[in-house]
All heavy atoms as atom14 arrays in JSON, in Angstrom:
{
  "sequence": "TLGIPWLVDKEKFYFKDGNLTWLRNNELITPRFLYYWLITSQAQNQ",
  "atom14_mask": [
    [1, 1, 1, 1, 1, 1, 1, 0, 0, 0, 0, 0, 0, 0],
    [1, 1, 1, 1, 1, 1, 1, 1, 0, 0, 0, 0, 0, 0],
    [1, 1, 1, 1, 0, 0, 0, 0, 0, 0, 0, 0, 0, 0],
    [1, 1, 1, 1, 1, 1, 1, 1, 0, 0, 0, 0, 0, 0],
    [1, 1, 1, 1, 1, 1, 1, 0, 0, 0, 0, 0, 0, 0],
    [1, 1, 1, 1, 1, 1, 1, 1, 1, 1, 1, 1, 1, 1],
    [1, 1, 1, 1, 1, 1, 1, 1, 0, 0, 0, 0, 0, 0],
    [1, 1, 1, 1, 1, 1, 1, 0, 0, 0, 0, 0, 0, 0],
    [1, 1, 1, 1, 1, 1, 1, 1, 0, 0, 0, 0, 0, 0],
    [1, 1, 1, 1, 1, 1, 1, 1, 1, 0, 0, 0, 0, 0],
    [1, 1, 1, 1, 1, 1, 1, 1, 1, 0, 0, 0, 0, 0],
    [1, 1, 1, 1, 1, 1, 1, 1, 1, 0, 0, 0, 0, 0],
    [1, 1, 1, 1, 1, 1, 1, 1, 1, 1, 1, 0, 0, 0],
    [1, 1, 1, 1, 1, 1, 1, 1, 1, 1, 1, 1, 0, 0],
    [1, 1, 1, 1, 1, 1, 1, 1, 1, 1, 1, 0, 0, 0],
    [1, 1, 1, 1, 1, 1, 1, 1, 1, 0, 0, 0, 0, 0],
    [1, 1, 1, 1, 1, 1, 1, 1, 0, 0, 0, 0, 0, 0],
    [1, 1, 1, 1, 0, 0, 0, 0, 0, 0, 0, 0, 0, 0],
    [1, 1, 1, 1, 1, 1, 1, 1, 0, 0, 0, 0, 0, 0],
    [1, 1, 1, 1, 1, 1, 1, 1, 0, 0, 0, 0, 0, 0],
    [1, 1, 1, 1, 1, 1, 1, 0, 0, 0, 0, 0, 0, 0],
    [1, 1, 1, 1, 1, 1, 1, 1, 1, 1, 1, 1, 1, 1],
    [1, 1, 1, 1, 1, 1, 1, 1, 0, 0, 0, 0, 0, 0],
    [1, 1, 1, 1, 1, 1, 1, 1, 1, 1, 1, 0, 0, 0],
    [1, 1, 1, 1, 1, 1, 1, 1, 0, 0, 0, 0, 0, 0],
    [1, 1, 1, 1, 1, 1, 1, 1, 0, 0, 0, 0, 0, 0],
    [1, 1, 1, 1, 1, 1, 1, 1, 1, 0, 0, 0, 0, 0],
    [1, 1, 1, 1, 1, 1, 1, 1, 0, 0, 0, 0, 0, 0],
    [1, 1, 1, 1, 1, 1, 1, 1, 0, 0, 0, 0, 0, 0],
    [1, 1, 1, 1, 1, 1, 1, 0, 0, 0, 0, 0, 0, 0],
    [1, 1, 1, 1, 1, 1, 1, 0, 0, 0, 0, 0, 0, 0],
    [1, 1, 1, 1, 1, 1, 1, 1, 1, 1, 1, 0, 0, 0],
    [1, 1, 1, 1, 1, 1, 1, 1, 1, 1, 1, 0, 0, 0],
    [1, 1, 1, 1, 1, 1, 1, 1, 0, 0, 0, 0, 0, 0],
    [1, 1, 1, 1, 1, 1, 1, 1, 1, 1, 1, 1, 0, 0],
    [1, 1, 1, 1, 1, 1, 1, 1, 1, 1, 1, 1, 0, 0],
    [1, 1, 1, 1, 1, 1, 1, 1, 1, 1, 1, 1, 1, 1],
    [1, 1, 1, 1, 1, 1, 1, 1, 0, 0, 0, 0, 0, 0],
    [1, 1, 1, 1, 1, 1, 1, 1, 0, 0, 0, 0, 0, 0],
    [1, 1, 1, 1, 1, 1, 1, 0, 0, 0, 0, 0, 0, 0],
    [1, 1, 1, 1, 1, 1, 0, 0, 0, 0, 0, 0, 0, 0],
    [1, 1, 1, 1, 1, 1, 1, 1, 1, 0, 0, 0, 0, 0],
    [1, 1, 1, 1, 1, 0, 0, 0, 0, 0, 0, 0, 0, 0],
    [1, 1, 1, 1, 1, 1, 1, 1, 1, 0, 0, 0, 0, 0],
    [1, 1, 1, 1, 1, 1, 1, 1, 0, 0, 0, 0, 0, 0],
    [1, 1, 1, 1, 1, 1, 1, 1, 1, 0, 0, 0, 0, 0]
  ],
  "atom14_positions": [
    [[142.89, -51.12, -130.59], [142.86, -52.48, -131.13], [141.65, -52.57, -132.04], [140.51, -52.53, -131.58], [142.75, -53.52, -129.99], [143.84, -53.33, -129.1], [142.78, -54.94, -130.54], [0.0, 0.0, 0.0], [0.0, 0.0, 0.0], [0.0, 0.0, 0.0], [0.0, 0.0, 0.0], [0.0, 0.0, 0.0], [0.0, 0.0, 0.0], [0.0, 0.0, 0.0]],
    [[141.91, -52.67, -133.34], [140.83, -52.58, -134.32], [140.33, -53.94, -134.79], [141.08, -54.9, -134.87], [141.32, -51.82, -135.56], [141.83, -50.41, -135.37], [142.3, -49.83, -136.69], [140.76, -49.53, -134.75], [0.0, 0.0, 0.0], [0.0, 0.0, 0.0], [0.0, 0.0, 0.0], [0.0, 0.0, 0.0], [0.0, 0.0, 0.0], [0.0, 0.0, 0.0]],
    [[139.03, -53.97, -135.12], [138.46, -55.09, -135.84], [138.17, -56.34, -135.06], [138.06, -57.42, -135.63], [0.0, 0.0, 0.0], [0.0, 0.0, 0.0], [0.0, 0.0, 0.0], [0.0, 0.0, 0.0], [0.0, 0.0, 0.0], [0.0, 0.0, 0.0], [0.0, 0.0, 0.0], [0.0, 0.0, 0.0], [0.0, 0.0, 0.0], [0.0, 0.0, 0.0]],
    [[138.0, -56.22, -133.74], [137.63, -57.39, -132.94], [136.1, -57.37, -132.8], [135.55, -56.44, -132.2], [138.28, -57.37, -131.54], [139.8, -57.2, -131.63], [137.87, -58.61, -130.74], [140.52, -58.35, -132.27], [0.0, 0.0, 0.0], [0.0, 0.0, 0.0], [0.0, 0.0, 0.0], [0.0, 0.0, 0.0], [0.0, 0.0, 0.0], [0.0, 0.0, 0.0]],
    [[135.4, -58.39, -133.36], [133.95, -58.38, -133.28], [133.42, -59.18, -132.09], [134.07, -60.1, -131.6], [133.55, -59.08, -134.58], [134.64, -60.09, -134.79], [135.9, -59.43, -134.25], [0.0, 0.0, 0.0], [0.0, 0.0, 0.0], [0.0, 0.0, 0.0], [0.0, 0.0, 0.0], [0.0, 0.0, 0.0], [0.0, 0.0, 0.0], [0.0, 0.0, 0.0]],
    [[132.23, -58.82, -131.65], [131.49, -59.62, -130.67], [130.06, -59.72, -131.16], [129.42, -58.7, -131.44], [131.54, -58.99, -129.28], [130.7, -59.73, -128.28], [130.78, -61.06, -127.96], [129.63, -59.21, -127.49], [129.84, -61.39, -127.01], [129.12, -60.25, -126.71], [129.06, -57.94, -127.37], [128.07, -60.09, -125.82], [128.02, -57.77, -126.47], [127.54, -58.84, -125.71]],
    [[129.59, -60.95, -131.3], [128.22, -61.21, -131.71], [127.35, -61.1, -130.45], [127.49, -61.9, -129.53], [128.11, -62.6, -132.34], [126.78, -62.99, -132.95], [126.39, -62.06, -134.09], [126.86, -64.43, -133.47], [0.0, 0.0, 0.0], [0.0, 0.0, 0.0], [0.0, 0.0, 0.0], [0.0, 0.0, 0.0], [0.0, 0.0, 0.0], [0.0, 0.0, 0.0]],
    [[126.5, -60.1, -130.43], [125.7, -59.79, -129.25], [124.78, -60.96, -128.9], [124.14, -61.55, -129.77], [124.88, -58.5, -129.48], [123.94, -58.22, -128.33], [125.82, -57.31, -129.72], [0.0, 0.0, 0.0], [0.0, 0.0, 0.0], [0.0, 0.0, 0.0], [0.0, 0.0, 0.0], [0.0, 0.0, 0.0], [0.0, 0.0, 0.0], [0.0, 0.0, 0.0]],
    [[124.74, -61.28, -127.61], [123.86, -62.34, -127.12], [122.62, -61.68, -126.5], [122.31, -60.53, -126.78], [124.6, -63.27, -126.16], [125.24, -62.53, -124.99], [124.77, -61.42, -124.63], [126.22, -63.04, -124.43], [0.0, 0.0, 0.0], [0.0, 0.0, 0.0], [0.0, 0.0, 0.0], [0.0, 0.0, 0.0], [0.0, 0.0, 0.0], [0.0, 0.0, 0.0]],
    [[121.94, -62.4, -125.64], [120.67, -61.92, -125.08], [120.82, -60.92, -123.93], [119.84, -60.38, -123.46], [119.83, -63.1, -124.59], [119.35, -63.97, -125.72], [118.52, -65.12, -125.19], [118.1, -65.99, -126.37], [117.22, -67.06, -126.0], [0.0, 0.0, 0.0], [0.0, 0.0, 0.0], [0.0, 0.0, 0.0], [0.0, 0.0, 0.0], [0.0, 0.0, 0.0]],
    [[122.05, -60.69, -123.49], [122.2, -59.84, -122.3], [121.85, -58.38, -122.58], [121.94, -57.9, -123.7], [123.61, -59.97, -121.73], [124.67, -59.18, -122.43], [126.02, -59.35, -121.77], [126.31, -58.59, -120.82], [126.78, -60.21, -122.21], [0.0, 0.0, 0.0], [0.0, 0.0, 0.0], [0.0, 0.0, 0.0], [0.0, 0.0, 0.0], [0.0, 0.0, 0.0]],
    [[121.47, -57.71, -121.53], [121.12, -56.3, -121.58], [122.36, -55.5, -121.22], [122.97, -55.74, -120.17], [120.0, -56.05, -120.56], [119.37, -54.68, -120.62], [118.48, -54.47, -119.39], [117.04, -54.79, -119.68], [116.15, -54.34, -118.59], [0.0, 0.0, 0.0], [0.0, 0.0, 0.0], [0.0, 0.0, 0.0], [0.0, 0.0, 0.0], [0.0, 0.0, 0.0]],
    [[122.76, -54.55, -122.09], [123.97, -53.74, -121.85], [123.9, -52.51, -122.75], [123.05, -52.4, -123.63], [125.24, -54.54, -122.17], [125.4, -54.77, -123.65], [126.18, -53.91, -124.42], [124.74, -55.82, -124.29], [126.28, -54.1, -125.8], [124.84, -56.01, -125.65], [125.62, -55.13, -126.41], [0.0, 0.0, 0.0], [0.0, 0.0, 0.0], [0.0, 0.0, 0.0]],
    [[124.84, -51.59, -122.55], [125.03, -50.49, -123.49], [126.53, -50.33, -123.7], [127.34, -51.01, -123.05], [124.37, -49.2, -122.99], [124.1, -48.26, -124.13], [123.28, -48.65, -125.2], [124.67, -47.01, -124.18], [123.05, -47.81, -126.27], [124.43, -46.15, -125.25], [123.63, -46.56, -126.29], [123.41, -45.73, -127.35], [0.0, 0.0, 0.0], [0.0, 0.0, 0.0]],
    [[126.94, -49.46, -124.64], [128.35, -49.41, -125.0], [128.83, -48.0, -125.32], [128.03, -47.11, -125.58], [128.63, -50.35, -126.18], [127.96, -49.93, -127.47], [128.68, -49.29, -128.46], [126.63, -50.21, -127.7], [128.08, -48.91, -129.64], [126.01, -49.85, -128.89], [126.74, -49.19, -129.86], [0.0, 0.0, 0.0], [0.0, 0.0, 0.0], [0.0, 0.0, 0.0]],
    [[130.14, -47.84, -125.31], [130.79, -46.54, -125.47], [130.85, -46.11, -126.94], [131.3, -46.86, -127.79], [132.2, -46.59, -124.89], [132.91, -45.24, -124.9], [134.13, -45.3, -124.02], [134.92, -44.02, -124.05], [134.2, -42.82, -123.7], [0.0, 0.0, 0.0], [0.0, 0.0, 0.0], [0.0, 0.0, 0.0], [0.0, 0.0, 0.0], [0.0, 0.0, 0.0]],
    [[130.4, -44.89, -127.19], [130.48, -44.33, -128.54], [131.92, -44.13, -128.96], [132.81, -43.99, -128.12], [129.73, -42.98, -128.6], [130.35, -41.94, -127.69], [131.44, -41.46, -127.98], [129.74, -41.61, -126.66], [0.0, 0.0, 0.0], [0.0, 0.0, 0.0], [0.0, 0.0, 0.0], [0.0, 0.0, 0.0], [0.0, 0.0, 0.0], [0.0, 0.0, 0.0]],
    [[132.18, -44.13, -130.24], [133.53, -43.88, -130.75], [134.45, -45.08, -130.67], [135.16, -45.37, -131.61], [0.0, 0.0, 0.0], [0.0, 0.0, 0.0], [0.0, 0.0, 0.0], [0.0, 0.0, 0.0], [0.0, 0.0, 0.0], [0.0, 0.0, 0.0], [0.0, 0.0, 0.0], [0.0, 0.0, 0.0], [0.0, 0.0, 0.0], [0.0, 0.0, 0.0]],
    [[134.45, -45.78, -129.55], [135.34, -46.94, -129.39], [134.81, -48.17, -130.1], [135.57, -49.07, -130.43], [135.51, -47.29, -127.91], [136.35, -46.28, -127.18], [136.61, -45.19, -127.67], [136.78, -46.63, -125.99], [0.0, 0.0, 0.0], [0.0, 0.0, 0.0], [0.0, 0.0, 0.0], [0.0, 0.0, 0.0], [0.0, 0.0, 0.0], [0.0, 0.0, 0.0]],
    [[133.5, -48.23, -130.27], [132.86, -49.41, -130.84], [131.89, -49.01, -131.94], [131.24, -47.97, -131.85], [132.09, -50.16, -129.75], [132.94, -50.69, -128.61], [132.07, -51.04, -127.41], [133.73, -51.91, -129.06], [0.0, 0.0, 0.0], [0.0, 0.0, 0.0], [0.0, 0.0, 0.0], [0.0, 0.0, 0.0], [0.0, 0.0, 0.0], [0.0, 0.0, 0.0]],
    [[131.8, -49.84, -132.95], [130.85, -49.61, -134.03], [129.82, -50.73, -133.97], [130.14, -51.88, -133.71], [131.57, -49.6, -135.4], [132.63, -48.65, -135.35], [130.62, -49.21, -136.5], [0.0, 0.0, 0.0], [0.0, 0.0, 0.0], [0.0, 0.0, 0.0], [0.0, 0.0, 0.0], [0.0, 0.0, 0.0], [0.0, 0.0, 0.0], [0.0, 0.0, 0.0]],
    [[128.58, -50.37, -134.22], [127.43, -51.25, -134.09], [126.95, -51.64, -135.49], [126.64, -50.77, -136.3], [126.38, -50.49, -133.32], [125.05, -51.11, -133.08], [124.65, -52.39, -133.3], [123.92, -50.43, -132.51], [123.34, -52.55, -132.92], [122.88, -51.35, -132.42], [123.7, -49.13, -132.08], [121.62, -51.03, -131.92], [122.46, -48.8, -131.58], [121.43, -49.74, -131.5]],
    [[126.91, -52.94, -135.77], [126.44, -53.44, -137.06], [125.18, -54.29, -136.86], [125.15, -55.15, -135.98], [127.52, -54.3, -137.73], [128.8, -53.57, -138.12], [129.83, -53.68, -137.01], [129.36, -54.15, -139.38], [0.0, 0.0, 0.0], [0.0, 0.0, 0.0], [0.0, 0.0, 0.0], [0.0, 0.0, 0.0], [0.0, 0.0, 0.0], [0.0, 0.0, 0.0]],
    [[124.19, -54.03, -137.68], [122.95, -54.81, -137.67], [122.69, -55.26, -139.1], [122.51, -54.44, -139.99], [121.78, -54.0, -137.14], [120.46, -54.78, -137.19], [119.34, -54.09, -136.47], [119.55, -54.17, -135.04], [118.96, -53.39, -134.14], [118.13, -52.45, -134.53], [119.21, -53.54, -132.85], [0.0, 0.0, 0.0], [0.0, 0.0, 0.0], [0.0, 0.0, 0.0]],
    [[122.71, -56.58, -139.3], [122.56, -57.12, -140.65], [121.15, -56.88, -141.21], [120.21, -56.64, -140.48], [122.85, -58.63, -140.64], [121.8, -59.4, -139.87], [121.63, -59.21, -138.67], [121.06, -60.26, -140.56], [0.0, 0.0, 0.0], [0.0, 0.0, 0.0], [0.0, 0.0, 0.0], [0.0, 0.0, 0.0], [0.0, 0.0, 0.0], [0.0, 0.0, 0.0]],
    [[121.06, -56.96, -142.55], [119.75, -56.93, -143.19], [119.46, -58.33, -143.73], [120.16, -59.29, -143.38], [119.68, -55.85, -144.28], [120.63, -56.08, -145.44], [121.02, -57.21, -145.74], [121.0, -55.02, -146.12], [0.0, 0.0, 0.0], [0.0, 0.0, 0.0], [0.0, 0.0, 0.0], [0.0, 0.0, 0.0], [0.0, 0.0, 0.0], [0.0, 0.0, 0.0]],
    [[118.47, -58.47, -144.59], [118.02, -59.78, -145.06], [119.01, -60.46, -146.01], [118.84, -61.64, -146.33], [116.64, -59.68, -145.71], [116.62, -58.96, -147.06], [116.71, -57.43, -146.97], [116.56, -56.86, -145.88], [116.95, -56.81, -148.02], [0.0, 0.0, 0.0], [0.0, 0.0, 0.0], [0.0, 0.0, 0.0], [0.0, 0.0, 0.0], [0.0, 0.0, 0.0]],
    [[120.04, -59.78, -146.45], [121.0, -60.37, -147.39], [122.05, -61.26, -146.72], [122.71, -62.05, -147.38], [121.73, -59.27, -148.18], [120.87, -58.41, -149.1], [121.69, -57.27, -149.68], [120.27, -59.28, -150.21], [0.0, 0.0, 0.0], [0.0, 0.0, 0.0], [0.0, 0.0, 0.0], [0.0, 0.0, 0.0], [0.0, 0.0, 0.0], [0.0, 0.0, 0.0]],
    [[122.22, -61.07, -145.41], [123.32, -61.76, -144.73], [122.89, -62.16, -143.32], [122.13, -61.44, -142.68], [124.58, -60.86, -144.72], [125.83, -61.66, -144.44], [124.42, -59.69, -143.78], [127.1, -60.94, -144.83], [0.0, 0.0, 0.0], [0.0, 0.0, 0.0], [0.0, 0.0, 0.0], [0.0, 0.0, 0.0], [0.0, 0.0, 0.0], [0.0, 0.0, 0.0]],
    [[123.38, -63.3, -142.86], [123.05, -63.73, -141.5], [124.05, -63.1, -140.52], [125.19, -62.82, -140.89], [123.09, -65.26, -141.35], [124.44, -65.71, -141.5], [122.18, -65.95, -142.36], [0.0, 0.0, 0.0], [0.0, 0.0, 0.0], [0.0, 0.0, 0.0], [0.0, 0.0, 0.0], [0.0, 0.0, 0.0], [0.0, 0.0, 0.0], [0.0, 0.0, 0.0]],
    [[123.63, -62.87, -139.28], [124.54, -62.27, -138.3], [125.82, -63.1, -138.12], [126.91, -62.55, -138.05], [123.73, -62.25, -137.01], [122.31, -62.34, -137.42], [122.29, -63.1, -138.71], [0.0, 0.0, 0.0], [0.0, 0.0, 0.0], [0.0, 0.0, 0.0], [0.0, 0.0, 0.0], [0.0, 0.0, 0.0], [0.0, 0.0, 0.0], [0.0, 0.0, 0.0]],
    [[125.68, -64.4, -138.04], [126.83, -65.26, -137.79], [127.8, -65.24, -138.99], [129.0, -65.22, -138.8], [126.39, -66.69, -137.45], [127.51, -67.43, -136.78], [127.07, -68.54, -135.88], [126.46, -68.21, -134.62], [127.11, -67.87, -133.52], [128.4, -67.75, -133.51], [126.46, -67.64, -132.4], [0.0, 0.0, 0.0], [0.0, 0.0, 0.0], [0.0, 0.0, 0.0]],
    [[127.27, -65.23, -140.21], [128.15, -65.15, -141.38], [128.91, -63.83, -141.37], [130.11, -63.79, -141.61], [127.36, -65.29, -142.69], [128.25, -65.4, -143.89], [128.72, -66.64, -144.31], [128.66, -64.27, -144.59], [129.58, -66.74, -145.41], [129.52, -64.36, -145.67], [129.97, -65.61, -146.09], [0.0, 0.0, 0.0], [0.0, 0.0, 0.0], [0.0, 0.0, 0.0]],
    [[128.22, -62.73, -141.04], [128.87, -61.42, -140.96], [129.95, -61.43, -139.88], [131.06, -60.95, -140.1], [127.83, -60.34, -140.67], [128.34, -58.91, -140.56], [129.07, -58.47, -141.82], [127.17, -57.96, -140.26], [0.0, 0.0, 0.0], [0.0, 0.0, 0.0], [0.0, 0.0, 0.0], [0.0, 0.0, 0.0], [0.0, 0.0, 0.0], [0.0, 0.0, 0.0]],
    [[129.65, -62.02, -138.74], [130.63, -62.13, -137.66], [131.88, -62.88, -138.14], [133.0, -62.41, -137.95], [130.0, -62.84, -136.45], [131.02, -63.22, -135.39], [131.45, -62.28, -134.47], [131.56, -64.49, -135.35], [132.4, -62.61, -133.51], [132.5, -64.83, -134.39], [132.92, -63.89, -133.48], [133.86, -64.22, -132.54], [0.0, 0.0, 0.0], [0.0, 0.0, 0.0]],
    [[131.68, -64.06, -138.73], [132.83, -64.84, -139.2], [133.59, -64.11, -140.3], [134.81, -64.18, -140.37], [132.4, -66.24, -139.66], [132.03, -67.16, -138.53], [130.85, -67.87, -138.54], [132.88, -67.33, -137.44], [130.51, -68.72, -137.49], [132.55, -68.17, -136.38], [131.36, -68.87, -136.42], [131.04, -69.7, -135.38], [0.0, 0.0, 0.0], [0.0, 0.0, 0.0]],
    [[132.88, -63.4, -141.15], [133.55, -62.64, -142.21], [134.47, -61.58, -141.6], [135.58, -61.37, -142.09], [132.54, -61.98, -143.15], [133.24, -61.17, -144.18], [133.84, -61.62, -145.33], [133.47, -59.76, -144.16], [134.43, -60.58, -146.0], [134.21, -59.42, -145.3], [133.12, -58.75, -143.27], [134.6, -58.12, -145.58], [133.52, -57.45, -143.55], [134.25, -57.14, -144.7]],
    [[134.02, -60.95, -140.52], [134.82, -59.89, -139.9], [136.17, -60.38, -139.38], [137.08, -59.59, -139.22], [134.03, -59.22, -138.76], [132.93, -58.28, -139.23], [131.97, -57.96, -138.09], [133.52, -57.0, -139.82], [0.0, 0.0, 0.0], [0.0, 0.0, 0.0], [0.0, 0.0, 0.0], [0.0, 0.0, 0.0], [0.0, 0.0, 0.0], [0.0, 0.0, 0.0]],
    [[136.3, -61.68, -139.12], [137.58, -62.2, -138.64], [138.39, -62.86, -139.76], [139.47, -63.38, -139.49], [137.41, -63.14, -137.42], [136.47, -64.3, -137.72], [136.94, -62.37, -136.21], [136.28, -65.28, -136.57], [0.0, 0.0, 0.0], [0.0, 0.0, 0.0], [0.0, 0.0, 0.0], [0.0, 0.0, 0.0], [0.0, 0.0, 0.0], [0.0, 0.0, 0.0]],
    [[137.9, -62.77, -141.0], [138.66, -63.32, -142.13], [139.78, -62.36, -142.52], [139.76, -61.18, -142.17], [137.77, -63.53, -143.37], [137.32, -62.25, -143.85], [136.61, -64.47, -143.1], [0.0, 0.0, 0.0], [0.0, 0.0, 0.0], [0.0, 0.0, 0.0], [0.0, 0.0, 0.0], [0.0, 0.0, 0.0], [0.0, 0.0, 0.0], [0.0, 0.0, 0.0]],
    [[140.73, -62.88, -143.27], [141.81, -62.02, -143.76], [141.28, -60.96, -144.71], [141.8, -59.85, -144.75], [142.91, -62.86, -144.43], [142.37, -63.57, -145.52], [0.0, 0.0, 0.0], [0.0, 0.0, 0.0], [0.0, 0.0, 0.0], [0.0, 0.0, 0.0], [0.0, 0.0, 0.0], [0.0, 0.0, 0.0], [0.0, 0.0, 0.0], [0.0, 0.0, 0.0]],
    [[140.2, -61.26, -145.46], [139.62, -60.26, -146.36], [139.18, -59.03, -145.58], [139.51, -57.9, -145.95], [138.43, -60.85, -147.13], [137.83, -59.86, -148.11], [136.51, -60.32, -148.72], [135.7, -60.97, -148.05], [136.29, -59.97, -149.96], [0.0, 0.0, 0.0], [0.0, 0.0, 0.0], [0.0, 0.0, 0.0], [0.0, 0.0, 0.0], [0.0, 0.0, 0.0]],
    [[138.47, -59.24, -144.49], [138.01, -58.11, -143.67], [139.17, -57.46, -142.92], [139.29, -56.24, -142.89], [136.94, -58.58, -142.69], [0.0, 0.0, 0.0], [0.0, 0.0, 0.0], [0.0, 0.0, 0.0], [0.0, 0.0, 0.0], [0.0, 0.0, 0.0], [0.0, 0.0, 0.0], [0.0, 0.0, 0.0], [0.0, 0.0, 0.0], [0.0, 0.0, 0.0]],
    [[140.02, -58.27, -142.29], [141.12, -57.73, -141.5], [142.11, -56.93, -142.36], [142.64, -55.91, -141.9], [141.82, -58.85, -140.73], [140.97, -59.47, -139.62], [140.63, -58.48, -138.52], [141.49, -57.8, -137.98], [139.35, -58.4, -138.16], [0.0, 0.0, 0.0], [0.0, 0.0, 0.0], [0.0, 0.0, 0.0], [0.0, 0.0, 0.0], [0.0, 0.0, 0.0]],
    [[142.33, -57.36, -143.6], [143.2, -56.59, -144.51], [142.6, -55.23, -144.81], [143.31, -54.23, -144.87], [143.45, -57.36, -145.81], [144.37, -58.55, -145.6], [145.11, -58.62, -144.62], [144.33, -59.49, -146.52], [0.0, 0.0, 0.0], [0.0, 0.0, 0.0], [0.0, 0.0, 0.0], [0.0, 0.0, 0.0], [0.0, 0.0, 0.0], [0.0, 0.0, 0.0]],
    [[141.28, -55.18, -145.0], [140.63, -53.88, -145.24], [140.73, -53.0, -144.0], [140.99, -51.8, -144.1], [139.15, -54.08, -145.63], [138.99, -54.69, -147.01], [137.53, -54.81, -147.41], [136.91, -53.81, -147.77], [137.0, -56.02, -147.33], [0.0, 0.0, 0.0], [0.0, 0.0, 0.0], [0.0, 0.0, 0.0], [0.0, 0.0, 0.0], [0.0, 0.0, 0.0]]
  ]
}
């Protein structure tokens, strides 16, 4: 199941390699904007 994002909260955890990709924004974009973009048709079509 591809392209389902989760915006990480304050909890402490780790995750499985290969099944999940980790994105960390830079100063050009806010985390929440990136999260919402990932669920847009523009991102999902790609």
